[in-house]
Protein backbone atom coordinates (compact mmCIF):
# COMPACT_ATOMS: atom_id res chain seq x y z
CA MET A 1 14.50 -7.91 11.77
CA ALA A 2 11.38 -9.99 12.43
CA GLN A 3 12.76 -11.30 15.65
CA ALA A 4 13.52 -7.76 16.87
CA PHE A 5 9.82 -6.93 16.60
CA GLY A 6 8.59 -10.01 18.28
CA VAL A 7 7.23 -11.79 15.32
CA THR A 8 6.95 -15.67 16.01
CA ASP A 9 7.12 -18.63 13.62
CA ILE A 10 9.62 -16.73 11.28
CA PHE A 11 10.84 -19.85 9.32
CA GLU A 12 7.25 -21.22 8.74
CA LYS A 13 5.88 -17.98 6.95
CA ASP A 14 6.32 -16.96 3.43
CA GLN A 15 7.94 -13.59 2.58
CA LYS A 16 4.67 -11.65 2.07
CA ARG A 17 3.18 -12.85 5.39
CA LEU A 18 6.49 -12.02 7.20
CA ILE A 19 6.64 -8.54 5.79
CA GLN A 20 3.02 -8.07 6.72
CA ASP A 21 3.59 -9.20 10.29
CA ILE A 22 6.70 -6.94 10.58
CA GLU A 23 4.63 -3.99 9.45
CA LEU A 24 1.79 -4.71 11.78
CA LYS A 25 4.32 -4.89 14.69
CA GLN A 26 5.79 -1.47 13.62
CA GLN A 27 2.29 0.29 13.53
CA SER A 28 1.54 -1.02 16.97
CA ASN A 29 4.77 0.39 18.39
CA ILE A 30 3.90 4.03 17.01
CA PRO A 31 2.63 6.21 19.90
CA ALA A 32 -0.90 7.52 19.32
CA PRO A 33 -0.89 11.31 18.48
CA ILE A 34 -2.17 13.76 21.17
CA ALA A 35 -5.57 15.22 20.35
CA LEU A 36 -5.28 18.96 20.79
CA PRO A 37 -8.20 20.81 22.60
CA PRO A 38 -10.52 22.39 20.29
CA ARG A 39 -10.41 26.24 19.85
CA PRO A 40 -13.29 28.33 21.02
CA ALA A 41 -15.53 29.50 18.21
CA TYR A 42 -14.98 33.25 19.09
CA ASP A 43 -12.83 34.64 21.84
CA GLY A 44 -11.80 38.29 21.71
CA ARG A 45 -8.60 37.62 23.45
CA LEU A 46 -7.42 35.53 20.57
CA MET A 47 -7.48 38.51 18.07
CA THR A 48 -4.25 39.38 16.58
CA ALA A 49 -4.29 43.10 17.23
CA THR A 50 -1.31 44.56 18.97
CA PRO A 51 -1.69 44.43 22.80
CA SER A 52 -2.13 47.68 24.54
CA GLN A 53 -1.03 46.08 27.68
CA THR A 54 0.59 42.92 28.99
CA SER A 55 -1.44 39.72 29.68
CA SER A 56 -1.69 38.48 33.22
CA PRO A 57 -0.38 35.10 34.17
CA ILE A 58 -3.94 34.15 35.21
CA GLU A 59 -5.24 34.94 31.77
CA LEU A 60 -2.60 32.76 30.20
CA THR A 61 -3.13 29.90 32.63
CA GLU A 62 -6.92 30.11 32.13
CA LEU A 63 -6.50 30.13 28.31
CA LEU A 64 -4.15 27.14 28.37
CA THR A 65 -6.07 25.02 30.83
CA PRO A 66 -7.09 22.34 28.36
CA HIS A 67 -3.43 22.08 27.40
CA ILE A 68 -2.16 21.93 30.91
CA MET A 69 -4.58 18.98 31.61
CA LEU A 70 -2.87 17.11 28.64
CA GLY A 71 0.46 17.50 30.22
CA LEU A 72 1.86 21.00 29.34
CA LYS A 73 3.93 22.60 32.00
CA LEU A 74 3.49 26.34 32.24
CA SER A 75 5.66 28.75 34.46
CA PHE A 76 6.26 32.54 34.68
CA GLN A 77 9.10 34.69 35.60
CA ASP A 78 8.86 38.50 35.50
CA GLU A 79 7.28 39.18 32.11
CA HIS A 80 8.09 35.96 30.57
CA TRP A 81 6.22 32.63 30.25
CA PHE A 82 7.87 29.22 29.93
CA MET A 83 6.22 26.13 28.38
CA HIS A 84 7.54 22.42 28.64
CA PHE A 85 6.05 19.38 27.13
CA GLY A 86 8.25 16.26 27.35
CA LYS A 87 11.63 17.25 25.95
CA ARG A 88 10.23 20.28 24.04
CA GLU A 89 10.22 23.80 25.53
CA ASP A 90 9.31 27.31 24.39
CA SER A 91 9.15 30.76 25.91
CA GLY A 92 7.87 34.27 25.16
CA THR A 93 6.80 37.49 26.76
CA LEU A 94 3.42 38.37 28.31
CA ARG A 95 3.10 41.15 25.62
CA MET A 96 2.57 38.56 22.98
CA PRO A 97 -1.10 38.22 21.70
CA LEU A 98 -2.98 35.37 23.40
CA ARG A 99 -3.57 33.75 20.02
CA THR A 100 0.18 33.50 19.48
CA VAL A 101 0.71 31.87 22.85
CA MET A 102 -1.98 29.49 21.96
CA ASP A 103 -0.33 28.69 18.70
CA CYS A 104 3.01 27.99 20.43
CA ALA A 105 1.32 25.64 22.73
CA ASP A 106 -0.39 23.78 19.94
CA LYS A 107 2.98 23.40 17.98
CA LEU A 108 4.81 22.34 21.13
CA MET A 109 2.30 19.54 21.75
CA GLN A 110 2.19 18.16 18.25
C-alpha cells in the first residue's frame, strides 16, 4: 500500500513511521474544500415569504454571481433554472424563493 502512495524507503522504516508516511500521503491527495461565498447580512430578496410573482433570470444570475465565479453553471429554459457543478446538477422553477435557490447552490457546491 505504501508503494501505491509513493512512499520511499519502505523497508528501512519501522511500522509506526511507515503508517505515518502513508497517512501524510493520503491527506495530501484529498482535494481542498471549496469556500462558499458569504451571504449578505440582509437582503429582502432572501426572505422566505411566498413569492407573488416569478423571479427573473437576471435577478437569479445577479444573486448567484459569486457562485458562478467559483464554477457553477446556470442556465434557464421557460420558467425553470438549471444548475451544474461538476457531475452534480439541480433544477427548479423561477417561482421558488431566492433564498431556496441560494441554498440549492450552496448544497450543490459542497
